[in-house]
PDB file of N, CA and C in Angstrom:
ATOM      1  N   MET A   1      15.277  -6.499 -22.349  1.00  0.00           N
ATOM      2  CA  MET A   1      14.667  -7.704 -22.852  1.00  0.00           C
ATOM      3  C   MET A   1      14.136  -8.480 -21.664  1.00  0.00           C
ATOM      4  N   PHE A   2      12.958  -9.071 -21.870  1.00  0.00           N
ATOM      5  CA  PHE A   2      12.385  -9.827 -20.772  1.00  0.00           C
ATOM      6  C   PHE A   2      11.568 -11.002 -21.313  1.00  0.00           C
ATOM      7  N   PRO A   3      11.487 -12.086 -20.540  1.00  0.00           N
ATOM      8  CA  PRO A   3      10.715 -13.254 -20.953  1.00  0.00           C
ATOM      9  C   PRO A   3       9.233 -13.042 -20.651  1.00  0.00           C
ATOM     10  N   THR A   4       8.420 -13.949 -21.134  1.00  0.00           N
ATOM     11  CA  THR A   4       7.021 -13.964 -20.751  1.00  0.00           C
ATOM     12  C   THR A   4       6.963 -14.408 -19.299  1.00  0.00           C
ATOM     13  N   LEU A   5       6.255 -13.646 -18.483  1.00  0.00           N
ATOM     14  CA  LEU A   5       6.209 -13.917 -17.048  1.00  0.00           C
ATOM     15  C   LEU A   5       4.793 -14.267 -16.609  1.00  0.00           C
ATOM     16  N   ASP A   6       4.703 -15.124 -15.629  1.00  0.00           N
ATOM     17  CA  ASP A   6       3.402 -15.516 -15.079  1.00  0.00           C
ATOM     18  C   ASP A   6       3.104 -14.634 -13.869  1.00  0.00           C
ATOM     19  N   VAL A   7       2.787 -13.373 -14.141  1.00  0.00           N
ATOM     20  CA  VAL A   7       2.430 -12.414 -13.093  1.00  0.00           C
ATOM     21  C   VAL A   7       1.153 -11.695 -13.528  1.00  0.00           C
ATOM     22  N   PRO A   8       0.322 -11.296 -12.586  1.00  0.00           N
ATOM     23  CA  PRO A   8      -0.946 -10.649 -12.946  1.00  0.00           C
ATOM     24  C   PRO A   8      -0.774  -9.375 -13.784  1.00  0.00           C
ATOM     25  N   GLU A   9       0.312  -8.653 -13.609  1.00  0.00           N
ATOM     26  CA  GLU A   9       0.510  -7.380 -14.308  1.00  0.00           C
ATOM     27  C   GLU A   9       1.154  -7.543 -15.681  1.00  0.00           C
ATOM     28  N   PHE A  10       1.310  -8.782 -16.158  1.00  0.00           N
ATOM     29  CA  PHE A  10       2.044  -8.979 -17.405  1.00  0.00           C
ATOM     30  C   PHE A  10       1.368  -8.315 -18.607  1.00  0.00           C
ATOM     31  N   GLY A  11       0.055  -8.284 -18.634  1.00  0.00           N
ATOM     32  CA  GLY A  11      -0.652  -7.600 -19.717  1.00  0.00           C
ATOM     33  C   GLY A  11      -0.271  -6.128 -19.772  1.00  0.00           C
ATOM     34  N   ARG A  12      -0.177  -5.508 -18.621  1.00  0.00           N
ATOM     35  CA  ARG A  12       0.244  -4.104 -18.543  1.00  0.00           C
ATOM     36  C   ARG A  12       1.695  -3.954 -19.015  1.00  0.00           C
ATOM     37  N   ALA A  13       2.557  -4.914 -18.670  1.00  0.00           N
ATOM     38  CA  ALA A  13       3.952  -4.881 -19.115  1.00  0.00           C
ATOM     39  C   ALA A  13       4.021  -4.913 -20.640  1.00  0.00           C
ATOM     40  N   LEU A  14       3.232  -5.766 -21.259  1.00  0.00           N
ATOM     41  CA  LEU A  14       3.227  -5.831 -22.725  1.00  0.00           C
ATOM     42  C   LEU A  14       2.706  -4.534 -23.330  1.00  0.00           C
ATOM     43  N   GLU A  15       1.689  -3.957 -22.709  1.00  0.00           N
ATOM     44  CA  GLU A  15       1.156  -2.669 -23.156  1.00  0.00           C
ATOM     45  C   GLU A  15       2.255  -1.603 -23.166  1.00  0.00           C
ATOM     46  N   LEU A  16       2.989  -1.516 -22.068  1.00  0.00           N
ATOM     47  CA  LEU A  16       4.073  -0.535 -21.955  1.00  0.00           C
ATOM     48  C   LEU A  16       5.177  -0.815 -22.968  1.00  0.00           C
ATOM     49  N   ALA A  17       5.545  -2.083 -23.111  1.00  0.00           N
ATOM     50  CA  ALA A  17       6.611  -2.455 -24.046  1.00  0.00           C
ATOM     51  C   ALA A  17       6.210  -2.137 -25.480  1.00  0.00           C
ATOM     52  N   ARG A  18       4.990  -2.476 -25.851  1.00  0.00           N
ATOM     53  CA  ARG A  18       4.537  -2.240 -27.227  1.00  0.00           C
ATOM     54  C   ARG A  18       4.390  -0.759 -27.547  1.00  0.00           C
ATOM     55  N   ALA A  19       4.228   0.073 -26.524  1.00  0.00           N
ATOM     56  CA  ALA A  19       4.119   1.519 -26.724  1.00  0.00           C
ATOM     57  C   ALA A  19       5.486   2.206 -26.715  1.00  0.00           C
ATOM     58  N   SER A  20       6.558   1.441 -26.544  1.00  0.00           N
ATOM     59  CA  SER A  20       7.907   2.018 -26.513  1.00  0.00           C
ATOM     60  C   SER A  20       8.315   2.491 -27.906  1.00  0.00           C
ATOM     61  N   ALA A  21       9.456   3.139 -27.990  1.00  0.00           N
ATOM     62  CA  ALA A  21       9.958   3.647 -29.269  1.00  0.00           C
ATOM     63  C   ALA A  21      10.180   2.513 -30.272  1.00  0.00           C
ATOM     64  N   GLU A  22      10.550   1.345 -29.771  1.00  0.00           N
ATOM     65  CA  GLU A  22      10.767   0.180 -30.635  1.00  0.00           C
ATOM     66  C   GLU A  22      10.455  -1.070 -29.836  1.00  0.00           C
ATOM     67  N   TYR A  23       9.619  -1.943 -30.384  1.00  0.00           N
ATOM     68  CA  TYR A  23       9.270  -3.197 -29.715  1.00  0.00           C
ATOM     69  C   TYR A  23       9.513  -4.337 -30.686  1.00  0.00           C
ATOM     70  N   ARG A  24      10.136  -5.399 -30.202  1.00  0.00           N
ATOM     71  CA  ARG A  24      10.371  -6.602 -31.004  1.00  0.00           C
ATOM     72  C   ARG A  24      10.196  -7.829 -30.136  1.00  0.00           C
ATOM     73  N   GLU A  25       9.884  -8.921 -30.778  1.00  0.00           N
ATOM     74  CA  GLU A  25       9.879 -10.232 -30.123  1.00  0.00           C
ATOM     75  C   GLU A  25      10.995 -11.034 -30.769  1.00  0.00           C
ATOM     76  N   THR A  26      11.815 -11.676 -29.934  1.00  0.00           N
ATOM     77  CA  THR A  26      12.950 -12.436 -30.457  1.00  0.00           C
ATOM     78  C   THR A  26      12.946 -13.841 -29.873  1.00  0.00           C
ATOM     79  N   GLY A  27      13.616 -14.749 -30.562  1.00  0.00           N
ATOM     80  CA  GLY A  27      13.762 -16.114 -30.072  1.00  0.00           C
ATOM     81  C   GLY A  27      12.487 -16.928 -30.215  1.00  0.00           C
ATOM     82  N   ALA A  28      12.561 -18.137 -29.689  1.00  0.00           N
ATOM     83  CA  ALA A  28      11.428 -19.059 -29.722  1.00  0.00           C
ATOM     84  C   ALA A  28      11.534 -19.999 -28.533  1.00  0.00           C
ATOM     85  N   GLY A  29      10.403 -20.508 -28.103  1.00  0.00           N
ATOM     86  CA  GLY A  29      10.394 -21.442 -26.975  1.00  0.00           C
ATOM     87  C   GLY A  29      11.006 -20.829 -25.735  1.00  0.00           C
ATOM     88  N   PRO A  30      11.958 -21.532 -25.101  1.00  0.00           N
ATOM     89  CA  PRO A  30      12.540 -21.029 -23.855  1.00  0.00           C
ATOM     90  C   PRO A  30      13.411 -19.782 -24.030  1.00  0.00           C
ATOM     91  N   THR A  31      13.806 -19.468 -25.274  1.00  0.00           N
ATOM     92  CA  THR A  31      14.623 -18.272 -25.497  1.00  0.00           C
ATOM     93  C   THR A  31      13.790 -17.080 -25.993  1.00  0.00           C
ATOM     94  N   PHE A  32      12.465 -17.219 -26.019  1.00  0.00           N
ATOM     95  CA  PHE A  32      11.593 -16.135 -26.472  1.00  0.00           C
ATOM     96  C   PHE A  32      11.702 -14.949 -25.518  1.00  0.00           C
ATOM     97  N   ARG A  33      11.872 -13.738 -26.078  1.00  0.00           N
ATOM     98  CA  ARG A  33      11.998 -12.527 -25.275  1.00  0.00           C
ATOM     99  C   ARG A  33      11.247 -11.372 -25.933  1.00  0.00           C
ATOM    100  N   HIS A  34      10.779 -10.478 -25.096  1.00  0.00           N
ATOM    101  CA  HIS A  34      10.186  -9.216 -25.536  1.00  0.00           C
ATOM    102  C   HIS A  34      11.282  -8.170 -25.396  1.00  0.00           C
ATOM    103  N   ARG A  35      11.411  -7.346 -26.422  1.00  0.00           N
ATOM    104  CA  ARG A  35      12.469  -6.334 -26.387  1.00  0.00           C
ATOM    105  C   ARG A  35      11.846  -4.964 -26.633  1.00  0.00           C
ATOM    106  N   ALA A  36      12.041  -4.070 -25.686  1.00  0.00           N
ATOM    107  CA  ALA A  36      11.489  -2.722 -25.789  1.00  0.00           C
ATOM    108  C   ALA A  36      12.620  -1.709 -25.671  1.00  0.00           C
ATOM    109  N   ARG A  37      12.604  -0.739 -26.563  1.00  0.00           N
ATOM    110  CA  ARG A  37      13.615   0.323 -26.533  1.00  0.00           C
ATOM    111  C   ARG A  37      12.922   1.621 -26.138  1.00  0.00           C
ATOM    112  N   PHE A  38      13.485   2.288 -25.133  1.00  0.00           N
ATOM    113  CA  PHE A  38      12.947   3.555 -24.653  1.00  0.00           C
ATOM    114  C   PHE A  38      13.981   4.647 -24.826  1.00  0.00           C
ATOM    115  N   TRP A  39      13.533   5.846 -25.115  1.00  0.00           N
ATOM    116  CA  TRP A  39      14.407   7.013 -25.147  1.00  0.00           C
ATOM    117  C   TRP A  39      14.430   7.625 -23.758  1.00  0.00           C
ATOM    118  N   SER A  40      15.398   8.457 -23.485  1.00  0.00           N
ATOM    119  CA  SER A  40      15.533   9.057 -22.154  1.00  0.00           C
ATOM    120  C   SER A  40      14.299   9.858 -21.762  1.00  0.00           C
ATOM    121  N   THR A  41      13.586  10.397 -22.725  1.00  0.00           N
ATOM    122  CA  THR A  41      12.375  11.162 -22.422  1.00  0.00           C
ATOM    123  C   THR A  41      11.242  10.273 -21.922  1.00  0.00           C
ATOM    124  N   ASP A  42      11.372   8.965 -22.097  1.00  0.00           N
ATOM    125  CA  ASP A  42      10.359   8.009 -21.651  1.00  0.00           C
ATOM    126  C   ASP A  42      10.796   7.235 -20.412  1.00  0.00           C
ATOM    127  N   ALA A  43      11.699   7.797 -19.631  1.00  0.00           N
ATOM    128  CA  ALA A  43      12.248   7.085 -18.481  1.00  0.00           C
ATOM    129  C   ALA A  43      11.168   6.665 -17.481  1.00  0.00           C
ATOM    130  N   ALA A  44      10.141   7.461 -17.306  1.00  0.00           N
ATOM    131  CA  ALA A  44       9.078   7.108 -16.357  1.00  0.00           C
ATOM    132  C   ALA A  44       8.316   5.867 -16.824  1.00  0.00           C
ATOM    133  N   ARG A  45       8.084   5.754 -18.129  1.00  0.00           N
ATOM    134  CA  ARG A  45       7.398   4.546 -18.646  1.00  0.00           C
ATOM    135  C   ARG A  45       8.305   3.324 -18.546  1.00  0.00           C
ATOM    136  N   LEU A  46       9.596   3.517 -18.761  1.00  0.00           N
ATOM    137  CA  LEU A  46      10.549   2.418 -18.588  1.00  0.00           C
ATOM    138  C   LEU A  46      10.530   1.944 -17.139  1.00  0.00           C
ATOM    139  N   ARG A  47      10.503   2.878 -16.206  1.00  0.00           N
ATOM    140  CA  ARG A  47      10.433   2.523 -14.781  1.00  0.00           C
ATOM    141  C   ARG A  47       9.175   1.691 -14.506  1.00  0.00           C
ATOM    142  N   ASP A  48       8.040   2.113 -15.056  1.00  0.00           N
ATOM    143  CA  ASP A  48       6.795   1.381 -14.847  1.00  0.00           C
ATOM    144  C   ASP A  48       6.892  -0.047 -15.379  1.00  0.00           C
ATOM    145  N   LEU A  49       7.504  -0.199 -16.545  1.00  0.00           N
ATOM    146  CA  LEU A  49       7.698  -1.535 -17.114  1.00  0.00           C
ATOM    147  C   LEU A  49       8.643  -2.351 -16.246  1.00  0.00           C
ATOM    148  N   PHE A  50       9.752  -1.749 -15.842  1.00  0.00           N
ATOM    149  CA  PHE A  50      10.748  -2.483 -15.069  1.00  0.00           C
ATOM    150  C   PHE A  50      10.215  -2.908 -13.701  1.00  0.00           C
ATOM    151  N   GLU A  51       9.300  -2.147 -13.126  1.00  0.00           N
ATOM    152  CA  GLU A  51       8.703  -2.553 -11.853  1.00  0.00           C
ATOM    153  C   GLU A  51       7.969  -3.886 -11.979  1.00  0.00           C
ATOM    154  N   ILE A  52       7.512  -4.202 -13.179  1.00  0.00           N
ATOM    155  CA  ILE A  52       6.820  -5.476 -13.416  1.00  0.00           C
ATOM    156  C   ILE A  52       7.803  -6.562 -13.830  1.00  0.00           C
ATOM    157  N   VAL A  53       8.622  -6.309 -14.850  1.00  0.00           N
ATOM    158  CA  VAL A  53       9.475  -7.364 -15.411  1.00  0.00           C
ATOM    159  C   VAL A  53      10.831  -7.473 -14.736  1.00  0.00           C
ATOM    160  N   GLY A  54      11.221  -6.477 -13.964  1.00  0.00           N
ATOM    161  CA  GLY A  54      12.524  -6.486 -13.308  1.00  0.00           C
ATOM    162  C   GLY A  54      12.646  -7.531 -12.211  1.00  0.00           C
ATOM    163  N   ARG A  55      11.542  -8.112 -11.821  1.00  0.00           N
ATOM    164  CA  ARG A  55      11.563  -9.173 -10.795  1.00  0.00           C
ATOM    165  C   ARG A  55      12.222 -10.451 -11.315  1.00  0.00           C
ATOM    166  N   SER A  56      12.227 -10.603 -12.628  1.00  0.00           N
ATOM    167  CA  SER A  56      12.779 -11.819 -13.230  1.00  0.00           C
ATOM    168  C   SER A  56      14.279 -11.681 -13.440  1.00  0.00           C
ATOM    169  N   ASP A  57      15.026 -12.685 -13.016  1.00  0.00           N
ATOM    170  CA  ASP A  57      16.475 -12.689 -13.246  1.00  0.00           C
ATOM    171  C   ASP A  57      16.808 -12.771 -14.735  1.00  0.00           C
ATOM    172  N   SER A  58      15.832 -13.146 -15.563  1.00  0.00           N
ATOM    173  CA  SER A  58      16.053 -13.244 -17.005  1.00  0.00           C
ATOM    174  C   SER A  58      15.872 -11.915 -17.724  1.00  0.00           C
ATOM    175  N   THR A  59      15.430 -10.891 -17.011  1.00  0.00           N
ATOM    176  CA  THR A  59      15.283  -9.570 -17.618  1.00  0.00           C
ATOM    177  C   THR A  59      16.659  -8.944 -17.753  1.00  0.00           C
ATOM    178  N   GLU A  60      16.948  -8.427 -18.942  1.00  0.00           N
ATOM    179  CA  GLU A  60      18.241  -7.799 -19.205  1.00  0.00           C
ATOM    180  C   GLU A  60      18.049  -6.322 -19.520  1.00  0.00           C
ATOM    181  N   VAL A  61      18.971  -5.511 -19.062  1.00  0.00           N
ATOM    182  CA  VAL A  61      18.989  -4.086 -19.381  1.00  0.00           C
ATOM    183  C   VAL A  61      20.101  -3.873 -20.394  1.00  0.00           C
ATOM    184  N   LEU A  62      19.745  -3.294 -21.536  1.00  0.00           N
ATOM    185  CA  LEU A  62      20.708  -3.071 -22.601  1.00  0.00           C
ATOM    186  C   LEU A  62      20.831  -1.572 -22.871  1.00  0.00           C
ATOM    187  N   ILE A  63      22.021  -1.140 -23.162  1.00  0.00           N
ATOM    188  CA  ILE A  63      22.250   0.204 -23.671  1.00  0.00           C
ATOM    189  C   ILE A  63      23.086   0.030 -24.929  1.00  0.00           C
ATOM    190  N   ASP A  64      22.628   0.640 -26.013  1.00  0.00           N
ATOM    191  CA  ASP A  64      23.253   0.435 -27.322  1.00  0.00           C
ATOM    192  C   ASP A  64      23.352  -1.053 -27.644  1.00  0.00           C
ATOM    193  N   ASP A  65      22.300  -1.786 -27.277  1.00  0.00           N
ATOM    194  CA  ASP A  65      22.178  -3.221 -27.560  1.00  0.00           C
ATOM    195  C   ASP A  65      23.204  -4.097 -26.851  1.00  0.00           C
ATOM    196  N   ARG A  66      23.786  -3.579 -25.779  1.00  0.00           N
ATOM    197  CA  ARG A  66      24.751  -4.365 -24.989  1.00  0.00           C
ATOM    198  C   ARG A  66      24.282  -4.443 -23.543  1.00  0.00           C
ATOM    199  N   PRO A  67      24.406  -5.615 -22.921  1.00  0.00           N
ATOM    200  CA  PRO A  67      24.029  -5.733 -21.501  1.00  0.00           C
ATOM    201  C   PRO A  67      24.894  -4.833 -20.623  1.00  0.00           C
ATOM    202  N   ILE A  68      24.279  -4.241 -19.633  1.00  0.00           N
ATOM    203  CA  ILE A  68      24.979  -3.331 -18.720  1.00  0.00           C
ATOM    204  C   ILE A  68      25.165  -4.019 -17.367  1.00  0.00           C
ATOM    205  N   PRO A  69      26.420  -4.213 -16.931  1.00  0.00           N
ATOM    206  CA  PRO A  69      26.661  -4.831 -15.622  1.00  0.00           C
ATOM    207  C   PRO A  69      26.074  -3.961 -14.503  1.00  0.00           C
ATOM    208  N   TYR A  70      25.490  -4.594 -13.547  1.00  0.00           N
ATOM    209  CA  TYR A  70      24.924  -3.955 -12.358  1.00  0.00           C
ATOM    210  C   TYR A  70      23.787  -2.973 -12.655  1.00  0.00           C
ATOM    211  N   ALA A  71      23.204  -3.048 -13.826  1.00  0.00           N
ATOM    212  CA  ALA A  71      22.112  -2.131 -14.170  1.00  0.00           C
ATOM    213  C   ALA A  71      20.927  -2.328 -13.234  1.00  0.00           C
ATOM    214  N   ARG A  72      20.594  -3.568 -12.963  1.00  0.00           N
ATOM    215  CA  ARG A  72      19.429  -3.856 -12.120  1.00  0.00           C
ATOM    216  C   ARG A  72      19.669  -3.445 -10.667  1.00  0.00           C
ATOM    217  N   GLU A  73      20.870  -3.648 -10.188  1.00  0.00           N
ATOM    218  CA  GLU A  73      21.166  -3.413  -8.777  1.00  0.00           C
ATOM    219  C   GLU A  73      21.580  -1.976  -8.462  1.00  0.00           C
ATOM    220  N   LEU A  74      22.165  -1.275  -9.425  1.00  0.00           N
ATOM    221  CA  LEU A  74      22.730   0.037  -9.144  1.00  0.00           C
ATOM    222  C   LEU A  74      22.232   1.128 -10.089  1.00  0.00           C
ATOM    223  N   TRP A  75      22.457   0.947 -11.368  1.00  0.00           N
ATOM    224  CA  TRP A  75      22.203   2.000 -12.339  1.00  0.00           C
ATOM    225  C   TRP A  75      20.729   2.403 -12.380  1.00  0.00           C
ATOM    226  N   LEU A  76      19.825   1.449 -12.587  1.00  0.00           N
ATOM    227  CA  LEU A  76      18.403   1.795 -12.680  1.00  0.00           C
ATOM    228  C   LEU A  76      17.837   2.364 -11.387  1.00  0.00           C
ATOM    229  N   PRO A  77      18.123   1.798 -10.222  1.00  0.00           N
ATOM    230  CA  PRO A  77      17.602   2.428  -8.994  1.00  0.00           C
ATOM    231  C   PRO A  77      18.043   3.885  -8.833  1.00  0.00           C
ATOM    232  N   LEU A  78      19.244   4.220  -9.261  1.00  0.00           N
ATOM    233  CA  LEU A  78      19.691   5.614  -9.191  1.00  0.00           C
ATOM    234  C   LEU A  78      18.882   6.500 -10.136  1.00  0.00           C
ATOM    235  N   VAL A  79      18.607   5.996 -11.320  1.00  0.00           N
ATOM    236  CA  VAL A  79      17.792   6.751 -12.275  1.00  0.00           C
ATOM    237  C   VAL A  79      16.375   6.927 -11.741  1.00  0.00           C
ATOM    238  N   TRP A  80      15.798   5.871 -11.181  1.00  0.00           N
ATOM    239  CA  TRP A  80      14.415   5.951 -10.662  1.00  0.00           C
ATOM    240  C   TRP A  80      14.340   7.002  -9.554  1.00  0.00           C
ATOM    241  N   PHE A  81      15.391   7.105  -8.783  1.00  0.00           N
ATOM    242  CA  PHE A  81      15.413   8.092  -7.694  1.00  0.00           C
ATOM    243  C   PHE A  81      15.292   9.522  -8.224  1.00  0.00           C
ATOM    244  N   LEU A  82      15.797   9.761  -9.420  1.00  0.00           N
ATOM    245  CA  LEU A  82      15.781  11.098 -10.008  1.00  0.00           C
ATOM    246  C   LEU A  82      14.470  11.456 -10.720  1.00  0.00           C
ATOM    247  N   ILE A  83      13.619  10.457 -10.945  1.00  0.00           N
ATOM    248  CA  ILE A  83      12.360  10.704 -11.656  1.00  0.00           C
ATOM    249  C   ILE A  83      11.248  10.964 -10.649  1.00  0.00           C
ATOM    250  N   PRO A  84      10.605  12.128 -10.718  1.00  0.00           N
ATOM    251  CA  PRO A  84       9.499  12.386  -9.775  1.00  0.00           C
ATOM    252  C   PRO A  84       8.311  11.479 -10.060  1.00  0.00           C
ATOM    253  N   ARG A  85       7.621  11.114  -9.027  1.00  0.00           N
ATOM    254  CA  ARG A  85       6.406  10.292  -9.194  1.00  0.00           C
ATOM    255  C   ARG A  85       5.208  11.166  -9.291  1.00  0.00           C
TER     256      ARG A  85
END
């Protein structure tokens, strides 16, 4: 889940999120978030999205709809290392 961000690549982030297996918008005002669900076969597209929205401390990584501790600092970088560019 990620908030609306004021970055030049945000349009591309929305494109990637909307093309995910499941995309939803939740909340309103300051709690508004974009939620994209990716399957393991789409890990490269998730990486592309996270390179844009992962800069925000408000971006959350969920697995089975639960936040994952240290996902941003440890888990995702390890996964990105395994995906060829």
